[in-house]
Amino acid sequence: MTLDTWLAFFVASCVISLSPGAGAIASMSSGLQHGFWRGYWNAIGLQLGLALQIAVVAAGVGAVLATSALAFTLIKWFGVAYLVWLAIKQWQARPAELPQAGQDASSARPWSLVARGFLVNASNPKAVVFMLAVLPQFIDPARPLLEQYLVIGVTMVVVDLIVMAGYTGLAAKVLRLLRTPRQQRVMNRTFASLFVGAAALLATVRRTAS
């Protein structure tokens, strides 16, 4: 991959990561509930899901997903159900006693936040189809494919880690301003509504006819 091609892909990765979506909502929700350092484990899970999507495209499985209505539909509705489940959990979240500055009082286990982030990205078939359409444009078939996909994967993951850190950190800062149970309930239900909105958008996605 030439430098010019990589720079073009880097810009595309920044635009993709900054675009509000289920991953950004999940990152802000985690930052709000658990603070930055604990909530950032969710971003790690998002990257594992992103890496899986890139691997699927690189292996050619993405082409099958793009042409198989059944596979696309099954993964799509699993993603919708999972986002709705996250919305319910967020809506039911109880106001918590806020930790002091520099203290993380969250009891959430890192592995559960990693799994949550992973499922958010891994259950989005539209993202795989989107990358199937975009990534090949930056691939030179005359060069070794594995090396190029590794460069693409590392670039996307690093960019997304930085962007999700911003979303998580922003929500964690907001957490410090929520001092009453009522304020926390309003914020939790706001994010629950955003998860429902993301689920509704995913439900409207249709497989592109081949």
C-alpha atoms as a PDB file:
ATOM      1  CA  MET A   1       0.000   0.000   0.000  1.00  0.00           C
ATOM      2  CA  THR A   2       1.429   3.343  -1.034  1.00  0.00           C
ATOM      3  CA  LEU A   3       1.557   6.327   1.321  1.00  0.00           C
ATOM      4  CA  ASP A   4      -1.022   8.219  -0.738  1.00  0.00           C
ATOM      5  CA  THR A   5      -3.429   5.286  -0.591  1.00  0.00           C
ATOM      6  CA  TRP A   6      -2.901   4.900   3.152  1.00  0.00           C
ATOM      7  CA  LEU A   7      -3.510   8.610   3.776  1.00  0.00           C
ATOM      8  CA  ALA A   8      -6.755   8.424   1.804  1.00  0.00           C
ATOM      9  CA  PHE A   9      -7.815   5.388   3.819  1.00  0.00           C
ATOM     10  CA  PHE A  10      -6.831   7.116   7.076  1.00  0.00           C
ATOM     11  CA  VAL A  11      -9.139  10.033   6.253  1.00  0.00           C
ATOM     12  CA  ALA A  12     -11.937   7.612   5.361  1.00  0.00           C
ATOM     13  CA  SER A  13     -11.408   5.764   8.659  1.00  0.00           C
ATOM     14  CA  CYS A  14     -11.677   9.015  10.620  1.00  0.00           C
ATOM     15  CA  VAL A  15     -14.949   9.908   8.903  1.00  0.00           C
ATOM     16  CA  ILE A  16     -16.375   6.424   9.472  1.00  0.00           C
ATOM     17  CA  SER A  17     -15.406   6.360  13.163  1.00  0.00           C
ATOM     18  CA  LEU A  18     -16.688   9.869  13.873  1.00  0.00           C
ATOM     19  CA  SER A  19     -20.067   9.119  12.312  1.00  0.00           C
ATOM     20  CA  PRO A  20     -22.570   8.604  15.169  1.00  0.00           C
ATOM     21  CA  GLY A  21     -23.735   5.011  15.384  1.00  0.00           C
ATOM     22  CA  ALA A  22     -24.387   2.128  17.760  1.00  0.00           C
ATOM     23  CA  GLY A  23     -20.696   1.988  18.714  1.00  0.00           C
ATOM     24  CA  ALA A  24     -20.611   5.657  19.693  1.00  0.00           C
ATOM     25  CA  ILE A  25     -23.822   5.270  21.692  1.00  0.00           C
ATOM     26  CA  ALA A  26     -22.431   2.201  23.466  1.00  0.00           C
ATOM     27  CA  SER A  27     -19.203   4.066  24.280  1.00  0.00           C
ATOM     28  CA  MET A  28     -21.027   7.072  25.708  1.00  0.00           C
ATOM     29  CA  SER A  29     -23.347   4.809  27.674  1.00  0.00           C
ATOM     30  CA  SER A  30     -20.394   2.954  29.184  1.00  0.00           C
ATOM     31  CA  GLY A  31     -18.595   6.183  30.025  1.00  0.00           C
ATOM     32  CA  LEU A  32     -21.725   7.531  31.677  1.00  0.00           C
ATOM     33  CA  GLN A  33     -22.345   4.420  33.754  1.00  0.00           C
ATOM     34  CA  HIS A  34     -18.815   3.356  34.662  1.00  0.00           C
ATOM     35  CA  GLY A  35     -16.496   6.321  34.160  1.00  0.00           C
ATOM     36  CA  PHE A  36     -13.696   6.510  31.603  1.00  0.00           C
ATOM     37  CA  TRP A  37     -11.200   3.862  32.734  1.00  0.00           C
ATOM     38  CA  ARG A  38     -13.747   1.127  33.392  1.00  0.00           C
ATOM     39  CA  GLY A  39     -16.073   2.140  30.577  1.00  0.00           C
ATOM     40  CA  TYR A  40     -13.247   2.101  28.024  1.00  0.00           C
ATOM     41  CA  TRP A  41     -13.243  -1.703  28.121  1.00  0.00           C
ATOM     42  CA  ASN A  42     -16.352  -1.421  25.967  1.00  0.00           C
ATOM     43  CA  ALA A  43     -14.215   0.231  23.262  1.00  0.00           C
ATOM     44  CA  ILE A  44     -11.835  -2.746  23.383  1.00  0.00           C
ATOM     45  CA  GLY A  45     -14.777  -5.015  22.635  1.00  0.00           C
ATOM     46  CA  LEU A  46     -15.862  -2.760  19.789  1.00  0.00           C
ATOM     47  CA  GLN A  47     -12.426  -3.163  18.220  1.00  0.00           C
ATOM     48  CA  LEU A  48     -12.573  -6.948  18.509  1.00  0.00           C
ATOM     49  CA  GLY A  49     -15.889  -6.815  16.656  1.00  0.00           C
ATOM     50  CA  LEU A  50     -14.366  -4.480  14.073  1.00  0.00           C
ATOM     51  CA  ALA A  51     -11.400  -6.811  13.624  1.00  0.00           C
ATOM     52  CA  LEU A  52     -13.812  -9.695  13.070  1.00  0.00           C
ATOM     53  CA  GLN A  53     -15.654  -7.705  10.408  1.00  0.00           C
ATOM     54  CA  ILE A  54     -12.398  -6.924   8.586  1.00  0.00           C
ATOM     55  CA  ALA A  55     -11.345 -10.572   8.801  1.00  0.00           C
ATOM     56  CA  VAL A  56     -14.711 -11.633   7.379  1.00  0.00           C
ATOM     57  CA  VAL A  57     -14.267  -9.281   4.422  1.00  0.00           C
ATOM     58  CA  ALA A  58     -10.644 -10.344   3.901  1.00  0.00           C
ATOM     59  CA  ALA A  59     -11.632 -14.019   3.932  1.00  0.00           C
ATOM     60  CA  GLY A  60     -14.325 -13.445   1.328  1.00  0.00           C
ATOM     61  CA  VAL A  61     -17.146 -14.407   3.689  1.00  0.00           C
ATOM     62  CA  GLY A  62     -18.480 -10.887   3.373  1.00  0.00           C
ATOM     63  CA  ALA A  63     -19.404 -11.631  -0.224  1.00  0.00           C
ATOM     64  CA  VAL A  64     -21.555 -14.526   0.979  1.00  0.00           C
ATOM     65  CA  LEU A  65     -23.227 -12.298   3.555  1.00  0.00           C
ATOM     66  CA  ALA A  66     -23.882  -9.672   0.913  1.00  0.00           C
ATOM     67  CA  THR A  67     -25.606 -12.182  -1.376  1.00  0.00           C
ATOM     68  CA  SER A  68     -27.351 -14.423   1.179  1.00  0.00           C
ATOM     69  CA  ALA A  69     -30.681 -12.964   2.280  1.00  0.00           C
ATOM     70  CA  LEU A  70     -31.045 -15.517   5.081  1.00  0.00           C
ATOM     71  CA  ALA A  71     -27.600 -14.898   6.607  1.00  0.00           C
ATOM     72  CA  PHE A  72     -28.051 -11.147   6.386  1.00  0.00           C
ATOM     73  CA  THR A  73     -31.515 -11.261   7.967  1.00  0.00           C
ATOM     74  CA  LEU A  74     -30.506 -13.560  10.835  1.00  0.00           C
ATOM     75  CA  ILE A  75     -27.535 -11.403  11.831  1.00  0.00           C
ATOM     76  CA  LYS A  76     -29.510  -8.190  11.386  1.00  0.00           C
ATOM     77  CA  TRP A  77     -32.351  -9.240  13.691  1.00  0.00           C
ATOM     78  CA  PHE A  78     -29.920 -10.571  16.266  1.00  0.00           C
ATOM     79  CA  GLY A  79     -28.345  -7.107  16.255  1.00  0.00           C
ATOM     80  CA  VAL A  80     -31.745  -5.429  16.585  1.00  0.00           C
ATOM     81  CA  ALA A  81     -32.682  -7.670  19.528  1.00  0.00           C
ATOM     82  CA  TYR A  82     -29.353  -7.020  21.237  1.00  0.00           C
ATOM     83  CA  LEU A  83     -29.678  -3.234  20.926  1.00  0.00           C
ATOM     84  CA  VAL A  84     -33.216  -3.401  22.325  1.00  0.00           C
ATOM     85  CA  TRP A  85     -31.913  -5.501  25.224  1.00  0.00           C
ATOM     86  CA  LEU A  86     -29.246  -2.855  25.900  1.00  0.00           C
ATOM     87  CA  ALA A  87     -31.987  -0.211  25.838  1.00  0.00           C
ATOM     88  CA  ILE A  88     -34.013  -2.118  28.433  1.00  0.00           C
ATOM     89  CA  LYS A  89     -30.965  -2.536  30.682  1.00  0.00           C
ATOM     90  CA  GLN A  90     -30.151   1.159  30.331  1.00  0.00           C
ATOM     91  CA  TRP A  91     -33.742   2.196  31.091  1.00  0.00           C
ATOM     92  CA  GLN A  92     -33.808   0.025  34.220  1.00  0.00           C
ATOM     93  CA  ALA A  93     -30.391   1.173  35.473  1.00  0.00           C
ATOM     94  CA  ARG A  94     -30.628   2.544  38.984  1.00  0.00           C
ATOM     95  CA  PRO A  95     -29.103   5.872  39.997  1.00  0.00           C
ATOM     96  CA  ALA A  96     -25.755   5.217  41.635  1.00  0.00           C
ATOM     97  CA  GLU A  97     -23.713   7.001  44.233  1.00  0.00           C
ATOM     98  CA  LEU A  98     -21.104   8.891  42.242  1.00  0.00           C
ATOM     99  CA  PRO A  99     -17.419   8.235  43.014  1.00  0.00           C
ATOM    100  CA  GLN A 100     -15.035  10.956  44.023  1.00  0.00           C
ATOM    101  CA  ALA A 101     -12.575  12.326  41.454  1.00  0.00           C
ATOM    102  CA  GLY A 102     -10.010   9.699  40.525  1.00  0.00           C
ATOM    103  CA  GLN A 103     -12.067   6.890  42.075  1.00  0.00           C
ATOM    104  CA  ASP A 104     -13.850   4.205  40.084  1.00  0.00           C
ATOM    105  CA  ALA A 105     -16.758   2.751  42.048  1.00  0.00           C
ATOM    106  CA  SER A 106     -18.144   0.706  39.155  1.00  0.00           C
ATOM    107  CA  SER A 107     -18.672  -2.985  39.829  1.00  0.00           C
ATOM    108  CA  ALA A 108     -18.938  -3.909  36.156  1.00  0.00           C
ATOM    109  CA  ARG A 109     -16.392  -6.529  35.146  1.00  0.00           C
ATOM    110  CA  PRO A 110     -14.092  -5.650  32.260  1.00  0.00           C
ATOM    111  CA  TRP A 111     -14.871  -8.870  30.376  1.00  0.00           C
ATOM    112  CA  SER A 112     -18.612  -8.105  30.407  1.00  0.00           C
ATOM    113  CA  LEU A 113     -17.981  -4.656  28.920  1.00  0.00           C
ATOM    114  CA  VAL A 114     -15.656  -6.171  26.304  1.00  0.00           C
ATOM    115  CA  ALA A 115     -18.338  -8.720  25.380  1.00  0.00           C
ATOM    116  CA  ARG A 116     -20.941  -5.977  25.163  1.00  0.00           C
ATOM    117  CA  GLY A 117     -18.853  -3.889  22.787  1.00  0.00           C
ATOM    118  CA  PHE A 118     -17.946  -6.934  20.693  1.00  0.00           C
ATOM    119  CA  LEU A 119     -21.589  -7.889  20.182  1.00  0.00           C
ATOM    120  CA  VAL A 120     -22.555  -4.332  19.202  1.00  0.00           C
ATOM    121  CA  ASN A 121     -20.148  -4.393  16.244  1.00  0.00           C
ATOM    122  CA  ALA A 122     -20.243  -8.100  15.425  1.00  0.00           C
ATOM    123  CA  SER A 123     -24.048  -8.125  15.103  1.00  0.00           C
ATOM    124  CA  ASN A 124     -24.157  -5.413  12.429  1.00  0.00           C
ATOM    125  CA  PRO A 125     -24.201  -7.078   8.990  1.00  0.00           C
ATOM    126  CA  LYS A 126     -24.571  -3.730   7.229  1.00  0.00           C
ATOM    127  CA  ALA A 127     -21.100  -2.769   8.460  1.00  0.00           C
ATOM    128  CA  VAL A 128     -19.631  -5.900   6.861  1.00  0.00           C
ATOM    129  CA  VAL A 129     -21.395  -5.197   3.569  1.00  0.00           C
ATOM    130  CA  PHE A 130     -20.269  -1.553   3.769  1.00  0.00           C
ATOM    131  CA  MET A 131     -16.643  -2.561   4.287  1.00  0.00           C
ATOM    132  CA  LEU A 132     -16.955  -5.113   1.503  1.00  0.00           C
ATOM    133  CA  ALA A 133     -17.816  -2.205  -0.786  1.00  0.00           C
ATOM    134  CA  VAL A 134     -15.202   0.221   0.577  1.00  0.00           C
ATOM    135  CA  LEU A 135     -12.077  -1.723   1.543  1.00  0.00           C
ATOM    136  CA  PRO A 136     -11.324  -3.258  -1.877  1.00  0.00           C
ATOM    137  CA  GLN A 137     -10.978   0.252  -3.269  1.00  0.00           C
ATOM    138  CA  PHE A 138      -7.805   0.648  -1.202  1.00  0.00           C
ATOM    139  CA  ILE A 139      -6.416  -2.804  -2.023  1.00  0.00           C
ATOM    140  CA  ASP A 140      -3.881  -3.374  -4.786  1.00  0.00           C
ATOM    141  CA  PRO A 141      -4.507  -6.920  -6.086  1.00  0.00           C
ATOM    142  CA  ALA A 142      -0.965  -7.030  -7.482  1.00  0.00           C
ATOM    143  CA  ARG A 143       0.513  -6.790  -3.966  1.00  0.00           C
ATOM    144  CA  PRO A 144       0.294  -9.281  -1.066  1.00  0.00           C
ATOM    145  CA  LEU A 145      -3.267  -9.071   0.248  1.00  0.00           C
ATOM    146  CA  LEU A 146      -2.579 -10.154   3.829  1.00  0.00           C
ATOM    147  CA  GLU A 147      -0.149  -7.309   4.471  1.00  0.00           C
ATOM    148  CA  GLN A 148      -2.580  -4.759   3.044  1.00  0.00           C
ATOM    149  CA  TYR A 149      -5.494  -6.005   5.123  1.00  0.00           C
ATOM    150  CA  LEU A 150      -3.278  -5.947   8.227  1.00  0.00           C
ATOM    151  CA  VAL A 151      -2.406  -2.304   7.545  1.00  0.00           C
ATOM    152  CA  ILE A 152      -6.080  -1.507   6.977  1.00  0.00           C
ATOM    153  CA  GLY A 153      -7.113  -3.366  10.122  1.00  0.00           C
ATOM    154  CA  VAL A 154      -4.527  -1.705  12.361  1.00  0.00           C
ATOM    155  CA  THR A 155      -5.378   1.725  10.961  1.00  0.00           C
ATOM    156  CA  MET A 156      -9.116   1.331  11.512  1.00  0.00           C
ATOM    157  CA  VAL A 157      -8.689  -0.085  15.021  1.00  0.00           C
ATOM    158  CA  VAL A 158      -6.277   2.644  16.170  1.00  0.00           C
ATOM    159  CA  VAL A 159      -8.456   5.416  14.745  1.00  0.00           C
ATOM    160  CA  ASP A 160     -11.589   3.950  16.296  1.00  0.00           C
ATOM    161  CA  LEU A 161      -9.891   3.487  19.683  1.00  0.00           C
ATOM    162  CA  ILE A 162      -9.023   7.187  19.725  1.00  0.00           C
ATOM    163  CA  VAL A 163     -12.499   8.291  18.619  1.00  0.00           C
ATOM    164  CA  MET A 164     -14.247   5.991  21.116  1.00  0.00           C
ATOM    165  CA  ALA A 165     -11.952   7.328  23.847  1.00  0.00           C
ATOM    166  CA  GLY A 166     -13.345  10.753  23.032  1.00  0.00           C
ATOM    167  CA  TYR A 167     -16.956   9.557  23.225  1.00  0.00           C
ATOM    168  CA  THR A 168     -16.307   7.618  26.445  1.00  0.00           C
ATOM    169  CA  GLY A 169     -14.404  10.476  28.055  1.00  0.00           C
ATOM    170  CA  LEU A 170     -17.048  13.028  27.117  1.00  0.00           C
ATOM    171  CA  ALA A 171     -19.779  10.942  28.748  1.00  0.00           C
ATOM    172  CA  ALA A 172     -17.598  10.319  31.811  1.00  0.00           C
ATOM    173  CA  LYS A 173     -17.230  14.094  32.243  1.00  0.00           C
ATOM    174  CA  VAL A 174     -20.997  14.453  32.037  1.00  0.00           C
ATOM    175  CA  LEU A 175     -21.250  11.808  34.772  1.00  0.00           C
ATOM    176  CA  ARG A 176     -19.600  14.209  37.216  1.00  0.00           C
ATOM    177  CA  LEU A 177     -22.389  16.730  36.628  1.00  0.00           C
ATOM    178  CA  LEU A 178     -25.217  14.306  37.399  1.00  0.00           C
ATOM    179  CA  ARG A 179     -25.599  14.731  41.137  1.00  0.00           C
ATOM    180  CA  THR A 180     -29.239  13.786  41.681  1.00  0.00           C
ATOM    181  CA  PRO A 181     -31.080  10.484  41.069  1.00  0.00           C
ATOM    182  CA  ARG A 182     -33.542  12.301  38.806  1.00  0.00           C
ATOM    183  CA  GLN A 183     -30.751  13.631  36.572  1.00  0.00           C
ATOM    184  CA  GLN A 184     -29.232  10.173  36.306  1.00  0.00           C
ATOM    185  CA  ARG A 185     -32.584   8.597  35.439  1.00  0.00           C
ATOM    186  CA  VAL A 186     -33.162  11.169  32.697  1.00  0.00           C
ATOM    187  CA  MET A 187     -29.728  10.504  31.210  1.00  0.00           C
ATOM    188  CA  ASN A 188     -30.120   6.705  31.421  1.00  0.00           C
ATOM    189  CA  ARG A 189     -33.475   6.888  29.674  1.00  0.00           C
ATOM    190  CA  THR A 190     -32.070   9.221  27.054  1.00  0.00           C
ATOM    191  CA  PHE A 191     -29.425   6.643  26.171  1.00  0.00           C
ATOM    192  CA  ALA A 192     -32.052   3.893  26.283  1.00  0.00           C
ATOM    193  CA  SER A 193     -34.019   5.847  23.672  1.00  0.00           C
ATOM    194  CA  LEU A 194     -30.865   6.218  21.558  1.00  0.00           C
ATOM    195  CA  PHE A 195     -30.322   2.438  21.656  1.00  0.00           C
ATOM    196  CA  VAL A 196     -33.928   1.938  20.523  1.00  0.00           C
ATOM    197  CA  GLY A 197     -33.319   4.440  17.732  1.00  0.00           C
ATOM    198  CA  ALA A 198     -30.203   2.556  16.641  1.00  0.00           C
ATOM    199  CA  ALA A 199     -32.190  -0.701  16.697  1.00  0.00           C
ATOM    200  CA  ALA A 200     -34.936   0.876  14.594  1.00  0.00           C
ATOM    201  CA  LEU A 201     -32.409   2.101  12.038  1.00  0.00           C
ATOM    202  CA  LEU A 202     -30.802  -1.332  11.840  1.00  0.00           C
ATOM    203  CA  ALA A 203     -34.235  -2.916  11.393  1.00  0.00           C
ATOM    204  CA  THR A 204     -34.836  -0.778   8.296  1.00  0.00           C
ATOM    205  CA  VAL A 205     -31.627  -1.926   6.620  1.00  0.00           C
ATOM    206  CA  ARG A 206     -32.187  -3.994   3.504  1.00  0.00           C
ATOM    207  CA  ARG A 207     -29.653  -6.173   1.720  1.00  0.00           C
ATOM    208  CA  THR A 208     -28.526  -4.578  -1.499  1.00  0.00           C
ATOM    209  CA  ALA A 209     -29.838  -6.598  -4.394  1.00  0.00           C
ATOM    210  CA  SER A 210     -27.107  -8.367  -6.321  1.00  0.00           C
END
